[in-house]
C-alpha atoms as a PDB file:
ATOM      1  CA  MET A   1      99.157  47.085  61.042  1.00  0.00           C
ATOM      2  CA  GLY A   2      99.022  50.829  60.492  1.00  0.00           C
ATOM      3  CA  THR A   3      96.207  53.140  59.644  1.00  0.00           C
ATOM      4  CA  THR A   4      95.559  55.877  57.139  1.00  0.00           C
ATOM      5  CA  THR A   5      92.795  58.432  56.464  1.00  0.00           C
ATOM      6  CA  ILE A   6      90.366  58.044  53.629  1.00  0.00           C
ATOM      7  CA  ARG A   7      87.663  60.507  52.544  1.00  0.00           C
ATOM      8  CA  VAL A   8      84.230  59.488  51.964  1.00  0.00           C
ATOM      9  CA  ASP A   9      81.110  61.598  51.446  1.00  0.00           C
ATOM     10  CA  THR A  10      78.727  62.205  54.377  1.00  0.00           C
ATOM     11  CA  ASP A  11      76.094  59.836  53.338  1.00  0.00           C
ATOM     12  CA  THR A  12      78.651  56.926  52.993  1.00  0.00           C
ATOM     13  CA  HIS A  13      80.133  57.805  56.401  1.00  0.00           C
ATOM     14  CA  ALA A  14      76.613  57.758  58.034  1.00  0.00           C
ATOM     15  CA  ARG A  15      75.839  54.312  56.300  1.00  0.00           C
ATOM     16  CA  LEU A  16      79.207  52.910  57.585  1.00  0.00           C
ATOM     17  CA  LEU A  17      78.341  54.268  61.110  1.00  0.00           C
ATOM     18  CA  ASP A  18      74.908  52.655  60.855  1.00  0.00           C
ATOM     19  CA  LEU A  19      76.522  49.273  59.924  1.00  0.00           C
ATOM     20  CA  SER A  20      78.961  49.496  62.566  1.00  0.00           C
ATOM     21  CA  ARG A  21      76.438  50.174  65.209  1.00  0.00           C
ATOM     22  CA  GLU A  22      74.241  47.364  63.942  1.00  0.00           C
ATOM     23  CA  THR A  23      76.956  44.730  64.387  1.00  0.00           C
ATOM     24  CA  GLY A  24      78.924  46.326  67.294  1.00  0.00           C
ATOM     25  CA  ALA A  25      82.029  46.565  65.069  1.00  0.00           C
ATOM     26  CA  SER A  26      84.348  49.397  64.929  1.00  0.00           C
ATOM     27  CA  LEU A  27      84.322  51.669  61.837  1.00  0.00           C
ATOM     28  CA  ILE A  28      87.561  50.220  60.645  1.00  0.00           C
ATOM     29  CA  GLU A  29      86.264  46.622  60.971  1.00  0.00           C
ATOM     30  CA  THR A  30      83.145  47.532  59.170  1.00  0.00           C
ATOM     31  CA  VAL A  31      85.425  49.296  56.322  1.00  0.00           C
ATOM     32  CA  ARG A  32      87.503  46.186  56.316  1.00  0.00           C
ATOM     33  CA  ASP A  33      84.466  43.715  56.033  1.00  0.00           C
ATOM     34  CA  ALA A  34      82.985  45.784  53.272  1.00  0.00           C
ATOM     35  CA  THR A  35      86.354  45.795  51.440  1.00  0.00           C
ATOM     36  CA  GLU A  36      86.351  41.969  51.761  1.00  0.00           C
ATOM     37  CA  ALA A  37      82.876  41.543  50.662  1.00  0.00           C
ATOM     38  CA  LEU A  38      83.438  43.617  47.501  1.00  0.00           C
ATOM     39  CA  SER A  39      86.441  41.760  46.597  1.00  0.00           C
ATOM     40  CA  ARG A  40      84.779  38.426  47.078  1.00  0.00           C
ATOM     41  CA  GLN A  41      81.649  39.764  44.965  1.00  0.00           C
ATOM     42  CA  ARG A  42      84.031  40.819  42.202  1.00  0.00           C
ATOM     43  CA  PHE A  43      85.778  37.529  42.166  1.00  0.00           C
ATOM     44  CA  ALA A  44      82.422  35.626  41.933  1.00  0.00           C
ATOM     45  CA  HIS A  45      81.413  37.838  39.104  1.00  0.00           C
ATOM     46  CA  GLN A  46      84.677  37.114  37.363  1.00  0.00           C
ATOM     47  CA  VAL A  47      84.348  33.285  37.831  1.00  0.00           C
ATOM     48  CA  ALA A  48      80.607  33.478  36.512  1.00  0.00           C
ATOM     49  CA  ALA A  49      81.772  35.519  33.405  1.00  0.00           C
ATOM     50  CA  GLU A  50      84.465  33.050  32.712  1.00  0.00           C
ATOM     51  CA  LEU A  51      82.159  30.036  33.092  1.00  0.00           C
ATOM     52  CA  ASP A  52      79.589  31.634  30.796  1.00  0.00           C
ATOM     53  CA  LYS A  53      82.213  32.195  28.275  1.00  0.00           C
ATOM     54  CA  LEU A  54      83.458  28.536  28.588  1.00  0.00           C
ATOM     55  CA  ARG A  55      79.694  27.305  28.132  1.00  0.00           C
ATOM     56  CA  GLN A  56      79.600  29.089  24.711  1.00  0.00           C
ATOM     57  CA  ASP A  57      82.057  26.547  23.443  1.00  0.00           C
ATOM     58  CA  PRO A  58      80.541  23.189  23.757  1.00  0.00           C
ATOM     59  CA  GLN A  59      83.734  21.279  23.428  1.00  0.00           C
ATOM     60  CA  ALA A  60      85.580  23.330  25.990  1.00  0.00           C
ATOM     61  CA  TRP A  61      82.632  23.174  28.344  1.00  0.00           C
ATOM     62  CA  GLU A  62      82.517  19.229  28.057  1.00  0.00           C
ATOM     63  CA  ALA A  63      86.387  19.110  28.684  1.00  0.00           C
ATOM     64  CA  TYR A  64      85.864  21.349  31.719  1.00  0.00           C
ATOM     65  CA  LEU A  65      83.266  19.073  33.157  1.00  0.00           C
ATOM     66  CA  ALA A  66      85.126  15.937  32.529  1.00  0.00           C
ATOM     67  CA  GLU A  67      88.158  17.430  34.223  1.00  0.00           C
ATOM     68  CA  ALA A  68      85.986  18.576  37.111  1.00  0.00           C
ATOM     69  CA  ASP A  69      84.685  15.046  37.507  1.00  0.00           C
ATOM     70  CA  ASN A  70      88.255  13.517  37.459  1.00  0.00           C
ATOM     71  CA  THR A  71      89.544  16.042  39.947  1.00  0.00           C
ATOM     72  CA  SER A  72      86.607  16.010  42.367  1.00  0.00           C
ATOM     73  CA  VAL A  73      87.176  15.092  45.891  1.00  0.00           C
ATOM     74  CA  SER A  74      84.424  13.518  47.913  1.00  0.00           C
ATOM     75  CA  ASP A  75      83.419  15.567  50.983  1.00  0.00           C
ATOM     76  CA  GLY A  76      82.628  12.250  52.878  1.00  0.00           C
ATOM     77  CA  VAL A  77      79.070  13.148  53.499  1.00  0.00           C
ATOM     78  CA  GLY A  78      76.250  10.928  52.495  1.00  0.00           C
END
């Protein structure tokens, strides 16, 4: 995997360095982890928004719940 240079303001750079030091990770690992966290956060917000929209339509919500029940897989716990 190659690398490239990105520009960030000095406050952001300092925060990234602090985060790196706290975990013992390299700066590039910290940036990679932050990018992954932001990506996951945005995905979660998108899913939540889509579920909220689905809940606004009672028939669609009931169909969703029925499909979820029919396609759920037991985790084998309990």
